[in-house]
Structures are given as structure tokens and as C-alpha cells.
Amino acid sequence: IVLFFYPAALTPGCTAEACHFRDLAAEFAAAGARPVGISGDSVEKQQEFTGRHSLGMPLLSDADGTIRERFGVKRGFSLAPTKRVTFVIAEDRTVLEIVRSELRMNTHADRALAALRDRKK
């Protein structure tokens, strides 16, 4: 699984990031993984985000911050309550890669895919 945390649905940066994951969906499937996004947005906002951009992947709502806190990506301020971090997690629950970049949106999907491909070599 590729679990990508993002600050806020329907914002320019998060849209670019999610759409890049969407555009690489076939490559992720070939590598045996599926991206899953998560933020503090409501279920309704996640559904709107998915529908508006035809994302075709699960987007989870962590409105109370429990999951973000457990992964260490929860911030203490409300404008951007989630750090932009991606975790590549193997079937045995081993973390293969952690991608941290607040400004380079495409690097999350690109590096996650590279980690998955490297694992298969």
C-alpha cells in the first residue's frame, strides 16, 4: 500500500499530488500496490475531491486526527493540519520508503513507485 497524507482536499498542491498518483495508477498496479490518500477533511469533502478529479482511489477522512497522530504527520495548527508525507508499506507491514516534501508534489508518487520497483529487482 502507498499511504499518502496531504494537508487539504481541493487545494492546488494537494490536487496536483493526488492527480499525479491517479495518472500513475497503472504503474502502481503493475508494481502490486494501490495508493490511498488521507487527510483531515470530511468524508463529504473527500468524495467531492475524488469526483471532481476522477481520482479512482480511496481517500480517507481522519477528521479527529487519530491516524495522522499515529503516523507522526499531524500538525498543531488548523490551516494545514497535516504534513505532506507518503509511506510505502509492504505486505508484511514493513515501511519501505518515507517521502517527505511539502513543495514538490510529484516527488511523492515518483519516489513511492521507485521504491516499489526497486523492491522487485
PDB file of N, CA and C in Angstrom:
ATOM      1  N   ILE A   1       0.855  -1.180   0.000  1.00  0.00           N
ATOM      2  CA  ILE A   1       0.000   0.000   0.000  1.00  0.00           C
ATOM      3  C   ILE A   1       0.895   1.233   0.000  1.00  0.00           C
ATOM      4  N   VAL A   2       0.424   2.271  -0.647  1.00  0.00           N
ATOM      5  CA  VAL A   2       1.101   3.564  -0.626  1.00  0.00           C
ATOM      6  C   VAL A   2       0.130   4.526   0.042  1.00  0.00           C
ATOM      7  N   LEU A   3       0.447   4.909   1.244  1.00  0.00           N
ATOM      8  CA  LEU A   3      -0.421   5.778   2.039  1.00  0.00           C
ATOM      9  C   LEU A   3       0.129   7.189   1.975  1.00  0.00           C
ATOM     10  N   PHE A   4      -0.606   8.080   1.301  1.00  0.00           N
ATOM     11  CA  PHE A   4      -0.115   9.454   1.196  1.00  0.00           C
ATOM     12  C   PHE A   4      -1.026  10.397   1.983  1.00  0.00           C
ATOM     13  N   PHE A   5      -0.391  11.122   2.883  1.00  0.00           N
ATOM     14  CA  PHE A   5      -1.065  12.119   3.704  1.00  0.00           C
ATOM     15  C   PHE A   5      -0.921  13.468   3.014  1.00  0.00           C
ATOM     16  N   TYR A   6      -2.003  14.230   2.989  1.00  0.00           N
ATOM     17  CA  TYR A   6      -1.961  15.541   2.353  1.00  0.00           C
ATOM     18  C   TYR A   6      -2.743  16.534   3.210  1.00  0.00           C
ATOM     19  N   PRO A   7      -2.371  17.830   3.133  1.00  0.00           N
ATOM     20  CA  PRO A   7      -2.971  18.833   4.022  1.00  0.00           C
ATOM     21  C   PRO A   7      -4.462  19.092   3.830  1.00  0.00           C
ATOM     22  N   ALA A   8      -4.926  19.251   2.585  1.00  0.00           N
ATOM     23  CA  ALA A   8      -6.327  19.645   2.404  1.00  0.00           C
ATOM     24  C   ALA A   8      -6.820  19.330   0.998  1.00  0.00           C
ATOM     25  N   ALA A   9      -7.925  18.633   0.917  1.00  0.00           N
ATOM     26  CA  ALA A   9      -8.541  18.306  -0.369  1.00  0.00           C
ATOM     27  C   ALA A   9      -8.941  19.576  -1.105  1.00  0.00           C
ATOM     28  N   LEU A  10      -8.878  19.499  -2.425  1.00  0.00           N
ATOM     29  CA  LEU A  10      -9.334  20.563  -3.322  1.00  0.00           C
ATOM     30  C   LEU A  10      -8.453  21.806  -3.317  1.00  0.00           C
ATOM     31  N   THR A  11      -7.268  21.733  -2.742  1.00  0.00           N
ATOM     32  CA  THR A  11      -6.315  22.840  -2.814  1.00  0.00           C
ATOM     33  C   THR A  11      -5.362  22.560  -3.976  1.00  0.00           C
ATOM     34  N   PRO A  12      -4.722  23.587  -4.522  1.00  0.00           N
ATOM     35  CA  PRO A  12      -3.885  23.369  -5.713  1.00  0.00           C
ATOM     36  C   PRO A  12      -2.782  22.321  -5.531  1.00  0.00           C
ATOM     37  N   GLY A  13      -2.021  22.411  -4.463  1.00  0.00           N
ATOM     38  CA  GLY A  13      -0.924  21.465  -4.256  1.00  0.00           C
ATOM     39  C   GLY A  13      -1.405  20.045  -4.052  1.00  0.00           C
ATOM     40  N   CYS A  14      -2.432  19.890  -3.249  1.00  0.00           N
ATOM     41  CA  CYS A  14      -2.961  18.547  -2.969  1.00  0.00           C
ATOM     42  C   CYS A  14      -3.634  17.955  -4.199  1.00  0.00           C
ATOM     43  N   THR A  15      -4.249  18.802  -5.008  1.00  0.00           N
ATOM     44  CA  THR A  15      -4.844  18.334  -6.254  1.00  0.00           C
ATOM     45  C   THR A  15      -3.759  17.838  -7.199  1.00  0.00           C
ATOM     46  N   ALA A  16      -2.672  18.598  -7.321  1.00  0.00           N
ATOM     47  CA  ALA A  16      -1.560  18.172  -8.180  1.00  0.00           C
ATOM     48  C   ALA A  16      -0.996  16.836  -7.708  1.00  0.00           C
ATOM     49  N   GLU A  17      -0.813  16.698  -6.406  1.00  0.00           N
ATOM     50  CA  GLU A  17      -0.267  15.460  -5.855  1.00  0.00           C
ATOM     51  C   GLU A  17      -1.197  14.276  -6.120  1.00  0.00           C
ATOM     52  N   ALA A  18      -2.468  14.423  -5.790  1.00  0.00           N
ATOM     53  CA  ALA A  18      -3.430  13.331  -5.966  1.00  0.00           C
ATOM     54  C   ALA A  18      -3.591  12.965  -7.440  1.00  0.00           C
ATOM     55  N   CYS A  19      -3.612  13.964  -8.312  1.00  0.00           N
ATOM     56  CA  CYS A  19      -3.760  13.683  -9.742  1.00  0.00           C
ATOM     57  C   CYS A  19      -2.531  12.964 -10.297  1.00  0.00           C
ATOM     58  N   HIS A  20      -1.362  13.246  -9.750  1.00  0.00           N
ATOM     59  CA  HIS A  20      -0.163  12.529 -10.197  1.00  0.00           C
ATOM     60  C   HIS A  20      -0.242  11.062  -9.774  1.00  0.00           C
ATOM     61  N   PHE A  21      -0.702  10.813  -8.554  1.00  0.00           N
ATOM     62  CA  PHE A  21      -0.935   9.422  -8.145  1.00  0.00           C
ATOM     63  C   PHE A  21      -1.942   8.764  -9.092  1.00  0.00           C
ATOM     64  N   ARG A  22      -3.023   9.473  -9.415  1.00  0.00           N
ATOM     65  CA  ARG A  22      -4.039   8.947 -10.338  1.00  0.00           C
ATOM     66  C   ARG A  22      -3.428   8.612 -11.694  1.00  0.00           C
ATOM     67  N   ASP A  23      -2.609   9.512 -12.204  1.00  0.00           N
ATOM     68  CA  ASP A  23      -2.023   9.325 -13.529  1.00  0.00           C
ATOM     69  C   ASP A  23      -1.060   8.140 -13.585  1.00  0.00           C
ATOM     70  N   LEU A  24      -0.524   7.754 -12.442  1.00  0.00           N
ATOM     71  CA  LEU A  24       0.405   6.619 -12.374  1.00  0.00           C
ATOM     72  C   LEU A  24      -0.274   5.342 -11.871  1.00  0.00           C
ATOM     73  N   ALA A  25      -1.597   5.322 -11.866  1.00  0.00           N
ATOM     74  CA  ALA A  25      -2.343   4.184 -11.301  1.00  0.00           C
ATOM     75  C   ALA A  25      -1.953   2.855 -11.941  1.00  0.00           C
ATOM     76  N   ALA A  26      -1.790   2.825 -13.241  1.00  0.00           N
ATOM     77  CA  ALA A  26      -1.428   1.568 -13.916  1.00  0.00           C
ATOM     78  C   ALA A  26      -0.051   1.088 -13.480  1.00  0.00           C
ATOM     79  N   GLU A  27       0.878   2.022 -13.317  1.00  0.00           N
ATOM     80  CA  GLU A  27       2.224   1.651 -12.868  1.00  0.00           C
ATOM     81  C   GLU A  27       2.207   1.130 -11.438  1.00  0.00           C
ATOM     82  N   PHE A  28       1.403   1.754 -10.585  1.00  0.00           N
ATOM     83  CA  PHE A  28       1.285   1.262  -9.207  1.00  0.00           C
ATOM     84  C   PHE A  28       0.672  -0.137  -9.199  1.00  0.00           C
ATOM     85  N   ALA A  29      -0.347  -0.344 -10.011  1.00  0.00           N
ATOM     86  CA  ALA A  29      -0.977  -1.670 -10.083  1.00  0.00           C
ATOM     87  C   ALA A  29       0.028  -2.716 -10.561  1.00  0.00           C
ATOM     88  N   ALA A  30       0.834  -2.367 -11.553  1.00  0.00           N
ATOM     89  CA  ALA A  30       1.847  -3.299 -12.061  1.00  0.00           C
ATOM     90  C   ALA A  30       2.892  -3.627 -10.998  1.00  0.00           C
ATOM     91  N   ALA A  31       3.125  -2.680 -10.092  1.00  0.00           N
ATOM     92  CA  ALA A  31       4.084  -2.888  -9.001  1.00  0.00           C
ATOM     93  C   ALA A  31       3.432  -3.578  -7.805  1.00  0.00           C
ATOM     94  N   GLY A  32       2.130  -3.861  -7.915  1.00  0.00           N
ATOM     95  CA  GLY A  32       1.423  -4.569  -6.850  1.00  0.00           C
ATOM     96  C   GLY A  32       0.981  -3.698  -5.697  1.00  0.00           C
ATOM     97  N   ALA A  33       0.764  -2.423  -5.963  1.00  0.00           N
ATOM     98  CA  ALA A  33       0.367  -1.503  -4.889  1.00  0.00           C
ATOM     99  C   ALA A  33      -0.789  -0.623  -5.328  1.00  0.00           C
ATOM    100  N   ARG A  34      -1.450  -0.075  -4.334  1.00  0.00           N
ATOM    101  CA  ARG A  34      -2.548   0.850  -4.586  1.00  0.00           C
ATOM    102  C   ARG A  34      -2.378   2.062  -3.686  1.00  0.00           C
ATOM    103  N   PRO A  35      -2.402   3.270  -4.258  1.00  0.00           N
ATOM    104  CA  PRO A  35      -2.336   4.471  -3.430  1.00  0.00           C
ATOM    105  C   PRO A  35      -3.638   4.687  -2.665  1.00  0.00           C
ATOM    106  N   VAL A  36      -3.495   5.169  -1.448  1.00  0.00           N
ATOM    107  CA  VAL A  36      -4.620   5.549  -0.600  1.00  0.00           C
ATOM    108  C   VAL A  36      -4.262   6.890   0.019  1.00  0.00           C
ATOM    109  N   GLY A  37      -5.133   7.882  -0.159  1.00  0.00           N
ATOM    110  CA  GLY A  37      -4.889   9.207   0.400  1.00  0.00           C
ATOM    111  C   GLY A  37      -5.620   9.394   1.711  1.00  0.00           C
ATOM    112  N   ILE A  38      -5.061  10.265   2.555  1.00  0.00           N
ATOM    113  CA  ILE A  38      -5.706  10.541   3.841  1.00  0.00           C
ATOM    114  C   ILE A  38      -5.409  11.970   4.271  1.00  0.00           C
ATOM    115  N   SER A  39      -6.442  12.619   4.774  1.00  0.00           N
ATOM    116  CA  SER A  39      -6.298  13.974   5.310  1.00  0.00           C
ATOM    117  C   SER A  39      -7.353  14.175   6.396  1.00  0.00           C
ATOM    118  N   GLY A  40      -7.354  15.339   6.959  1.00  0.00           N
ATOM    119  CA  GLY A  40      -8.322  15.658   7.997  1.00  0.00           C
ATOM    120  C   GLY A  40      -9.655  16.142   7.465  1.00  0.00           C
ATOM    121  N   ASP A  41      -9.824  16.126   6.167  1.00  0.00           N
ATOM    122  CA  ASP A  41     -11.074  16.585   5.567  1.00  0.00           C
ATOM    123  C   ASP A  41     -12.223  15.625   5.857  1.00  0.00           C
ATOM    124  N   SER A  42     -13.429  16.141   5.766  1.00  0.00           N
ATOM    125  CA  SER A  42     -14.623  15.324   5.999  1.00  0.00           C
ATOM    126  C   SER A  42     -14.800  14.301   4.883  1.00  0.00           C
ATOM    127  N   VAL A  43     -15.604  13.294   5.153  1.00  0.00           N
ATOM    128  CA  VAL A  43     -15.925  12.286   4.139  1.00  0.00           C
ATOM    129  C   VAL A  43     -16.539  12.961   2.914  1.00  0.00           C
ATOM    130  N   GLU A  44     -17.422  13.910   3.133  1.00  0.00           N
ATOM    131  CA  GLU A  44     -18.093  14.604   2.029  1.00  0.00           C
ATOM    132  C   GLU A  44     -17.089  15.353   1.152  1.00  0.00           C
ATOM    133  N   LYS A  45     -16.131  16.021   1.785  1.00  0.00           N
ATOM    134  CA  LYS A  45     -15.133  16.762   1.007  1.00  0.00           C
ATOM    135  C   LYS A  45     -14.228  15.800   0.247  1.00  0.00           C
ATOM    136  N   GLN A  46     -13.910  14.664   0.844  1.00  0.00           N
ATOM    137  CA  GLN A  46     -13.094  13.660   0.150  1.00  0.00           C
ATOM    138  C   GLN A  46     -13.854  13.131  -1.074  1.00  0.00           C
ATOM    139  N   GLN A  47     -15.151  12.901  -0.921  1.00  0.00           N
ATOM    140  CA  GLN A  47     -15.966  12.424  -2.044  1.00  0.00           C
ATOM    141  C   GLN A  47     -16.012  13.462  -3.163  1.00  0.00           C
ATOM    142  N   GLU A  48     -16.146  14.720  -2.784  1.00  0.00           N
ATOM    143  CA  GLU A  48     -16.148  15.796  -3.783  1.00  0.00           C
ATOM    144  C   GLU A  48     -14.806  15.843  -4.518  1.00  0.00           C
ATOM    145  N   PHE A  49     -13.721  15.735  -3.767  1.00  0.00           N
ATOM    146  CA  PHE A  49     -12.368  15.742  -4.333  1.00  0.00           C
ATOM    147  C   PHE A  49     -12.203  14.591  -5.329  1.00  0.00           C
ATOM    148  N   THR A  50     -12.598  13.405  -4.922  1.00  0.00           N
ATOM    149  CA  THR A  50     -12.499  12.226  -5.783  1.00  0.00           C
ATOM    150  C   THR A  50     -13.322  12.406  -7.055  1.00  0.00           C
ATOM    151  N   GLY A  51     -14.561  12.854  -6.902  1.00  0.00           N
ATOM    152  CA  GLY A  51     -15.440  13.022  -8.052  1.00  0.00           C
ATOM    153  C   GLY A  51     -14.995  14.112  -9.002  1.00  0.00           C
ATOM    154  N   ARG A  52     -14.580  15.226  -8.462  1.00  0.00           N
ATOM    155  CA  ARG A  52     -14.190  16.357  -9.300  1.00  0.00           C
ATOM    156  C   ARG A  52     -12.973  16.031 -10.168  1.00  0.00           C
ATOM    157  N   HIS A  53     -12.070  15.208  -9.650  1.00  0.00           N
ATOM    158  CA  HIS A  53     -10.820  14.925 -10.372  1.00  0.00           C
ATOM    159  C   HIS A  53     -10.702  13.471 -10.832  1.00  0.00           C
ATOM    160  N   SER A  54     -11.804  12.723 -10.754  1.00  0.00           N
ATOM    161  CA  SER A  54     -11.821  11.310 -11.181  1.00  0.00           C
ATOM    162  C   SER A  54     -10.600  10.559 -10.662  1.00  0.00           C
ATOM    163  N   LEU A  55     -10.390  10.634  -9.347  1.00  0.00           N
ATOM    164  CA  LEU A  55      -9.174  10.086  -8.758  1.00  0.00           C
ATOM    165  C   LEU A  55      -9.124   8.568  -8.772  1.00  0.00           C
ATOM    166  N   GLY A  56     -10.247   7.905  -8.592  1.00  0.00           N
ATOM    167  CA  GLY A  56     -10.268   6.454  -8.693  1.00  0.00           C
ATOM    168  C   GLY A  56      -9.456   5.724  -7.641  1.00  0.00           C
ATOM    169  N   MET A  57      -9.249   6.348  -6.512  1.00  0.00           N
ATOM    170  CA  MET A  57      -8.525   5.708  -5.408  1.00  0.00           C
ATOM    171  C   MET A  57      -9.213   6.088  -4.108  1.00  0.00           C
ATOM    172  N   PRO A  58      -9.059   5.291  -3.078  1.00  0.00           N
ATOM    173  CA  PRO A  58      -9.669   5.644  -1.796  1.00  0.00           C
ATOM    174  C   PRO A  58      -9.025   6.888  -1.191  1.00  0.00           C
ATOM    175  N   LEU A  59      -9.864   7.781  -0.701  1.00  0.00           N
ATOM    176  CA  LEU A  59      -9.415   8.924   0.092  1.00  0.00           C
ATOM    177  C   LEU A  59     -10.113   8.808   1.435  1.00  0.00           C
ATOM    178  N   LEU A  60      -9.342   8.735   2.481  1.00  0.00           N
ATOM    179  CA  LEU A  60      -9.886   8.517   3.818  1.00  0.00           C
ATOM    180  C   LEU A  60      -9.949   9.809   4.608  1.00  0.00           C
ATOM    181  N   SER A  61     -10.960   9.911   5.442  1.00  0.00           N
ATOM    182  CA  SER A  61     -11.129  11.054   6.328  1.00  0.00           C
ATOM    183  C   SER A  61     -10.609  10.698   7.715  1.00  0.00           C
ATOM    184  N   ASP A  62      -9.686  11.506   8.189  1.00  0.00           N
ATOM    185  CA  ASP A  62      -9.172  11.365   9.556  1.00  0.00           C
ATOM    186  C   ASP A  62      -9.494  12.655  10.301  1.00  0.00           C
ATOM    187  N   ALA A  63     -10.788  12.934  10.397  1.00  0.00           N
ATOM    188  CA  ALA A  63     -11.245  14.207  10.952  1.00  0.00           C
ATOM    189  C   ALA A  63     -10.789  14.439  12.385  1.00  0.00           C
ATOM    190  N   ASP A  64     -10.662  13.384  13.173  1.00  0.00           N
ATOM    191  CA  ASP A  64     -10.247  13.588  14.566  1.00  0.00           C
ATOM    192  C   ASP A  64      -8.726  13.537  14.741  1.00  0.00           C
ATOM    193  N   GLY A  65      -7.992  13.225  13.677  1.00  0.00           N
ATOM    194  CA  GLY A  65      -6.534  13.268  13.719  1.00  0.00           C
ATOM    195  C   GLY A  65      -5.846  12.052  14.312  1.00  0.00           C
ATOM    196  N   THR A  66      -6.594  11.023  14.656  1.00  0.00           N
ATOM    197  CA  THR A  66      -6.011   9.845  15.308  1.00  0.00           C
ATOM    198  C   THR A  66      -4.954   9.164  14.443  1.00  0.00           C
ATOM    199  N   ILE A  67      -5.266   8.931  13.188  1.00  0.00           N
ATOM    200  CA  ILE A  67      -4.328   8.235  12.302  1.00  0.00           C
ATOM    201  C   ILE A  67      -3.132   9.124  12.001  1.00  0.00           C
ATOM    202  N   ARG A  68      -3.378  10.400  11.728  1.00  0.00           N
ATOM    203  CA  ARG A  68      -2.275  11.321  11.442  1.00  0.00           C
ATOM    204  C   ARG A  68      -1.320  11.411  12.628  1.00  0.00           C
ATOM    205  N   GLU A  69      -1.870  11.406  13.824  1.00  0.00           N
ATOM    206  CA  GLU A  69      -1.035  11.457  15.021  1.00  0.00           C
ATOM    207  C   GLU A  69      -0.186  10.190  15.144  1.00  0.00           C
ATOM    208  N   ARG A  70      -0.774   9.047  14.887  1.00  0.00           N
ATOM    209  CA  ARG A  70      -0.025   7.771  14.979  1.00  0.00           C
ATOM    210  C   ARG A  70       1.099   7.682  13.961  1.00  0.00           C
ATOM    211  N   PHE A  71       0.907   8.287  12.812  1.00  0.00           N
ATOM    212  CA  PHE A  71       1.951   8.286  11.789  1.00  0.00           C
ATOM    213  C   PHE A  71       2.913   9.467  11.939  1.00  0.00           C
ATOM    214  N   GLY A  72       2.655  10.344  12.899  1.00  0.00           N
ATOM    215  CA  GLY A  72       3.548  11.473  13.143  1.00  0.00           C
ATOM    216  C   GLY A  72       3.460  12.582  12.116  1.00  0.00           C
ATOM    217  N   VAL A  73       2.293  12.735  11.491  1.00  0.00           N
ATOM    218  CA  VAL A  73       2.145  13.751  10.449  1.00  0.00           C
ATOM    219  C   VAL A  73       1.103  14.818  10.800  1.00  0.00           C
ATOM    220  N   LYS A  74       0.633  14.809  12.019  1.00  0.00           N
ATOM    221  CA  LYS A  74      -0.368  15.790  12.441  1.00  0.00           C
ATOM    222  C   LYS A  74       0.339  17.051  12.922  1.00  0.00           C
ATOM    223  N   ARG A  75      -0.144  18.182  12.436  1.00  0.00           N
ATOM    224  CA  ARG A  75       0.385  19.480  12.864  1.00  0.00           C
ATOM    225  C   ARG A  75      -0.544  20.077  13.903  1.00  0.00           C
ATOM    226  N   GLY A  76      -0.024  21.039  14.616  1.00  0.00           N
ATOM    227  CA  GLY A  76      -0.807  21.679  15.662  1.00  0.00           C
ATOM    228  C   GLY A  76      -1.582  22.902  15.232  1.00  0.00           C
ATOM    229  N   PHE A  77      -1.580  23.251  13.946  1.00  0.00           N
ATOM    230  CA  PHE A  77      -2.346  24.426  13.517  1.00  0.00           C
ATOM    231  C   PHE A  77      -3.346  24.049  12.438  1.00  0.00           C
ATOM    232  N   SER A  78      -4.418  24.817  12.386  1.00  0.00           N
ATOM    233  CA  SER A  78      -5.578  24.405  11.594  1.00  0.00           C
ATOM    234  C   SER A  78      -5.498  24.709  10.098  1.00  0.00           C
ATOM    235  N   LEU A  79      -4.694  25.651   9.658  1.00  0.00           N
ATOM    236  CA  LEU A  79      -4.661  25.968   8.233  1.00  0.00           C
ATOM    237  C   LEU A  79      -4.105  24.819   7.395  1.00  0.00           C
ATOM    238  N   ALA A  80      -3.141  24.119   7.917  1.00  0.00           N
ATOM    239  CA  ALA A  80      -2.573  22.940   7.244  1.00  0.00           C
ATOM    240  C   ALA A  80      -2.327  21.885   8.315  1.00  0.00           C
ATOM    241  N   PRO A  81      -3.383  21.194   8.736  1.00  0.00           N
ATOM    242  CA  PRO A  81      -3.278  20.293   9.885  1.00  0.00           C
ATOM    243  C   PRO A  81      -2.528  18.992   9.628  1.00  0.00           C
ATOM    244  N   THR A  82      -2.145  18.754   8.382  1.00  0.00           N
ATOM    245  CA  THR A  82      -1.478  17.503   8.032  1.00  0.00           C
ATOM    246  C   THR A  82      -0.205  17.789   7.254  1.00  0.00           C
ATOM    247  N   LYS A  83       0.885  17.151   7.649  1.00  0.00           N
ATOM    248  CA  LYS A  83       2.123  17.237   6.877  1.00  0.00           C
ATOM    249  C   LYS A  83       1.957  16.399   5.612  1.00  0.00           C
ATOM    250  N   ARG A  84       2.635  16.824   4.558  1.00  0.00           N
ATOM    251  CA  ARG A  84       2.603  16.080   3.294  1.00  0.00           C
ATOM    252  C   ARG A  84       3.690  15.004   3.366  1.00  0.00           C
ATOM    253  N   VAL A  85       3.284  13.780   3.637  1.00  0.00           N
ATOM    254  CA  VAL A  85       4.215  12.660   3.795  1.00  0.00           C
ATOM    255  C   VAL A  85       3.582  11.414   3.174  1.00  0.00           C
ATOM    256  N   THR A  86       4.408  10.620   2.506  1.00  0.00           N
ATOM    257  CA  THR A  86       3.956   9.377   1.887  1.00  0.00           C
ATOM    258  C   THR A  86       4.723   8.204   2.476  1.00  0.00           C
ATOM    259  N   PHE A  87       3.989   7.140   2.804  1.00  0.00           N
ATOM    260  CA  PHE A  87       4.580   5.913   3.334  1.00  0.00           C
ATOM    261  C   PHE A  87       4.333   4.787   2.339  1.00  0.00           C
ATOM    262  N   VAL A  88       5.392   4.096   1.962  1.00  0.00           N
ATOM    263  CA  VAL A  88       5.271   2.901   1.130  1.00  0.00           C
ATOM    264  C   VAL A  88       5.396   1.722   2.090  1.00  0.00           C
ATOM    265  N   ILE A  89       4.332   0.940   2.187  1.00  0.00           N
ATOM    266  CA  ILE A  89       4.249  -0.127   3.192  1.00  0.00           C
ATOM    267  C   ILE A  89       4.088  -1.474   2.485  1.00  0.00           C
ATOM    268  N   ALA A  90       4.984  -2.405   2.807  1.00  0.00           N
ATOM    269  CA  ALA A  90       4.954  -3.743   2.211  1.00  0.00           C
ATOM    270  C   ALA A  90       3.847  -4.578   2.845  1.00  0.00           C
ATOM    271  N   GLU A  91       3.569  -5.713   2.236  1.00  0.00           N
ATOM    272  CA  GLU A  91       2.525  -6.611   2.742  1.00  0.00           C
ATOM    273  C   GLU A  91       2.808  -7.098   4.157  1.00  0.00           C
ATOM    274  N   ASP A  92       4.091  -7.205   4.516  1.00  0.00           N
ATOM    275  CA  ASP A  92       4.446  -7.635   5.873  1.00  0.00           C
ATOM    276  C   ASP A  92       4.476  -6.464   6.864  1.00  0.00           C
ATOM    277  N   ARG A  93       3.970  -5.313   6.421  1.00  0.00           N
ATOM    278  CA  ARG A  93       3.859  -4.081   7.214  1.00  0.00           C
ATOM    279  C   ARG A  93       5.192  -3.367   7.423  1.00  0.00           C
ATOM    280  N   THR A  94       6.209  -3.759   6.694  1.00  0.00           N
ATOM    281  CA  THR A  94       7.492  -3.071   6.728  1.00  0.00           C
ATOM    282  C   THR A  94       7.370  -1.768   5.940  1.00  0.00           C
ATOM    283  N   VAL A  95       7.881  -0.689   6.497  1.00  0.00           N
ATOM    284  CA  VAL A  95       7.890   0.582   5.779  1.00  0.00           C
ATOM    285  C   VAL A  95       9.104   0.576   4.851  1.00  0.00           C
ATOM    286  N   LEU A  96       8.840   0.605   3.559  1.00  0.00           N
ATOM    287  CA  LEU A  96       9.902   0.555   2.560  1.00  0.00           C
ATOM    288  C   LEU A  96      10.482   1.926   2.261  1.00  0.00           C
ATOM    289  N   GLU A  97       9.661   2.946   2.340  1.00  0.00           N
ATOM    290  CA  GLU A  97      10.090   4.300   1.971  1.00  0.00           C
ATOM    291  C   GLU A  97       9.179   5.307   2.651  1.00  0.00           C
ATOM    292  N   ILE A  98       9.776   6.423   3.061  1.00  0.00           N
ATOM    293  CA  ILE A  98       9.013   7.568   3.563  1.00  0.00           C
ATOM    294  C   ILE A  98       9.430   8.761   2.720  1.00  0.00           C
ATOM    295  N   VAL A  99       8.466   9.398   2.105  1.00  0.00           N
ATOM    296  CA  VAL A  99       8.728  10.564   1.262  1.00  0.00           C
ATOM    297  C   VAL A  99       8.196  11.786   1.993  1.00  0.00           C
ATOM    298  N   ARG A 100       9.083  12.755   2.205  1.00  0.00           N
ATOM    299  CA  ARG A 100       8.698  13.997   2.879  1.00  0.00           C
ATOM    300  C   ARG A 100       9.047  15.171   1.966  1.00  0.00           C
ATOM    301  N   SER A 101       8.061  15.864   1.505  1.00  0.00           N
ATOM    302  CA  SER A 101       8.277  17.069   0.714  1.00  0.00           C
ATOM    303  C   SER A 101       6.992  17.876   0.727  1.00  0.00           C
ATOM    304  N   GLU A 102       7.085  19.080   1.218  1.00  0.00           N
ATOM    305  CA  GLU A 102       5.905  19.947   1.260  1.00  0.00           C
ATOM    306  C   GLU A 102       5.681  20.672  -0.067  1.00  0.00           C
ATOM    307  N   LEU A 103       6.739  20.816  -0.860  1.00  0.00           N
ATOM    308  CA  LEU A 103       6.634  21.667  -2.041  1.00  0.00           C
ATOM    309  C   LEU A 103       6.728  20.937  -3.376  1.00  0.00           C
ATOM    310  N   ARG A 104       7.348  19.783  -3.418  1.00  0.00           N
ATOM    311  CA  ARG A 104       7.476  19.032  -4.674  1.00  0.00           C
ATOM    312  C   ARG A 104       6.396  17.952  -4.691  1.00  0.00           C
ATOM    313  N   MET A 105       5.275  18.281  -5.262  1.00  0.00           N
ATOM    314  CA  MET A 105       4.101  17.411  -5.201  1.00  0.00           C
ATOM    315  C   MET A 105       4.320  16.083  -5.926  1.00  0.00           C
ATOM    316  N   ASN A 106       4.934  16.124  -7.100  1.00  0.00           N
ATOM    317  CA  ASN A 106       5.092  14.904  -7.895  1.00  0.00           C
ATOM    318  C   ASN A 106       6.091  13.927  -7.301  1.00  0.00           C
ATOM    319  N   THR A 107       6.983  14.419  -6.460  1.00  0.00           N
ATOM    320  CA  THR A 107       8.017  13.537  -5.907  1.00  0.00           C
ATOM    321  C   THR A 107       7.426  12.411  -5.068  1.00  0.00           C
ATOM    322  N   HIS A 108       6.250  12.620  -4.495  1.00  0.00           N
ATOM    323  CA  HIS A 108       5.640  11.589  -3.647  1.00  0.00           C
ATOM    324  C   HIS A 108       5.314  10.329  -4.450  1.00  0.00           C
ATOM    325  N   ALA A 109       4.582  10.479  -5.519  1.00  0.00           N
ATOM    326  CA  ALA A 109       4.233   9.317  -6.342  1.00  0.00           C
ATOM    327  C   ALA A 109       5.466   8.752  -7.035  1.00  0.00           C
ATOM    328  N   ASP A 110       6.334   9.625  -7.520  1.00  0.00           N
ATOM    329  CA  ASP A 110       7.523   9.162  -8.237  1.00  0.00           C
ATOM    330  C   ASP A 110       8.432   8.327  -7.339  1.00  0.00           C
ATOM    331  N   ARG A 111       8.711   8.815  -6.149  1.00  0.00           N
ATOM    332  CA  ARG A 111       9.601   8.082  -5.240  1.00  0.00           C
ATOM    333  C   ARG A 111       8.940   6.822  -4.689  1.00  0.00           C
ATOM    334  N   ALA A 112       7.648   6.884  -4.448  1.00  0.00           N
ATOM    335  CA  ALA A 112       6.937   5.686  -3.978  1.00  0.00           C
ATOM    336  C   ALA A 112       7.009   4.591  -5.037  1.00  0.00           C
ATOM    337  N   LEU A 113       6.776   4.958  -6.275  1.00  0.00           N
ATOM    338  CA  LEU A 113       6.833   3.990  -7.366  1.00  0.00           C
ATOM    339  C   LEU A 113       8.250   3.433  -7.523  1.00  0.00           C
ATOM    340  N   ALA A 114       9.246   4.284  -7.404  1.00  0.00           N
ATOM    341  CA  ALA A 114      10.641   3.829  -7.495  1.00  0.00           C
ATOM    342  C   ALA A 114      10.959   2.824  -6.388  1.00  0.00           C
ATOM    343  N   ALA A 115      10.482   3.081  -5.183  1.00  0.00           N
ATOM    344  CA  ALA A 115      10.725   2.153  -4.062  1.00  0.00           C
ATOM    345  C   ALA A 115      10.074   0.802  -4.328  1.00  0.00           C
ATOM    346  N   LEU A 116       8.881   0.814  -4.882  1.00  0.00           N
ATOM    347  CA  LEU A 116       8.192  -0.441  -5.201  1.00  0.00           C
ATOM    348  C   LEU A 116       8.924  -1.211  -6.298  1.00  0.00           C
ATOM    349  N   ARG A 117       9.392  -0.495  -7.293  1.00  0.00           N
ATOM    350  CA  ARG A 117      10.121  -1.147  -8.388  1.00  0.00           C
ATOM    351  C   ARG A 117      11.455  -1.703  -7.898  1.00  0.00           C
ATOM    352  N   ASP A 118      12.144  -0.958  -7.048  1.00  0.00           N
ATOM    353  CA  ASP A 118      13.429  -1.420  -6.502  1.00  0.00           C
ATOM    354  C   ASP A 118      13.254  -2.702  -5.701  1.00  0.00           C
ATOM    355  N   ARG A 119      12.151  -2.816  -5.019  1.00  0.00           N
ATOM    356  CA  ARG A 119      11.871  -3.999  -4.209  1.00  0.00           C
ATOM    357  C   ARG A 119      11.752  -5.250  -5.076  1.00  0.00           C
ATOM    358  N   LYS A 120      11.269  -5.072  -6.296  1.00  0.00           N
ATOM    359  CA  LYS A 120      11.047  -6.221  -7.189  1.00  0.00           C
ATOM    360  C   LYS A 120      12.309  -6.652  -7.928  1.00  0.00           C
ATOM    361  N   LYS A 121      13.380  -5.874  -7.833  1.00  0.00           N
ATOM    362  CA  LYS A 121      14.628  -6.212  -8.549  1.00  0.00           C
ATOM    363  C   LYS A 121      15.331  -7.370  -7.893  1.00  0.00           C
TER     364      LYS A 121
END
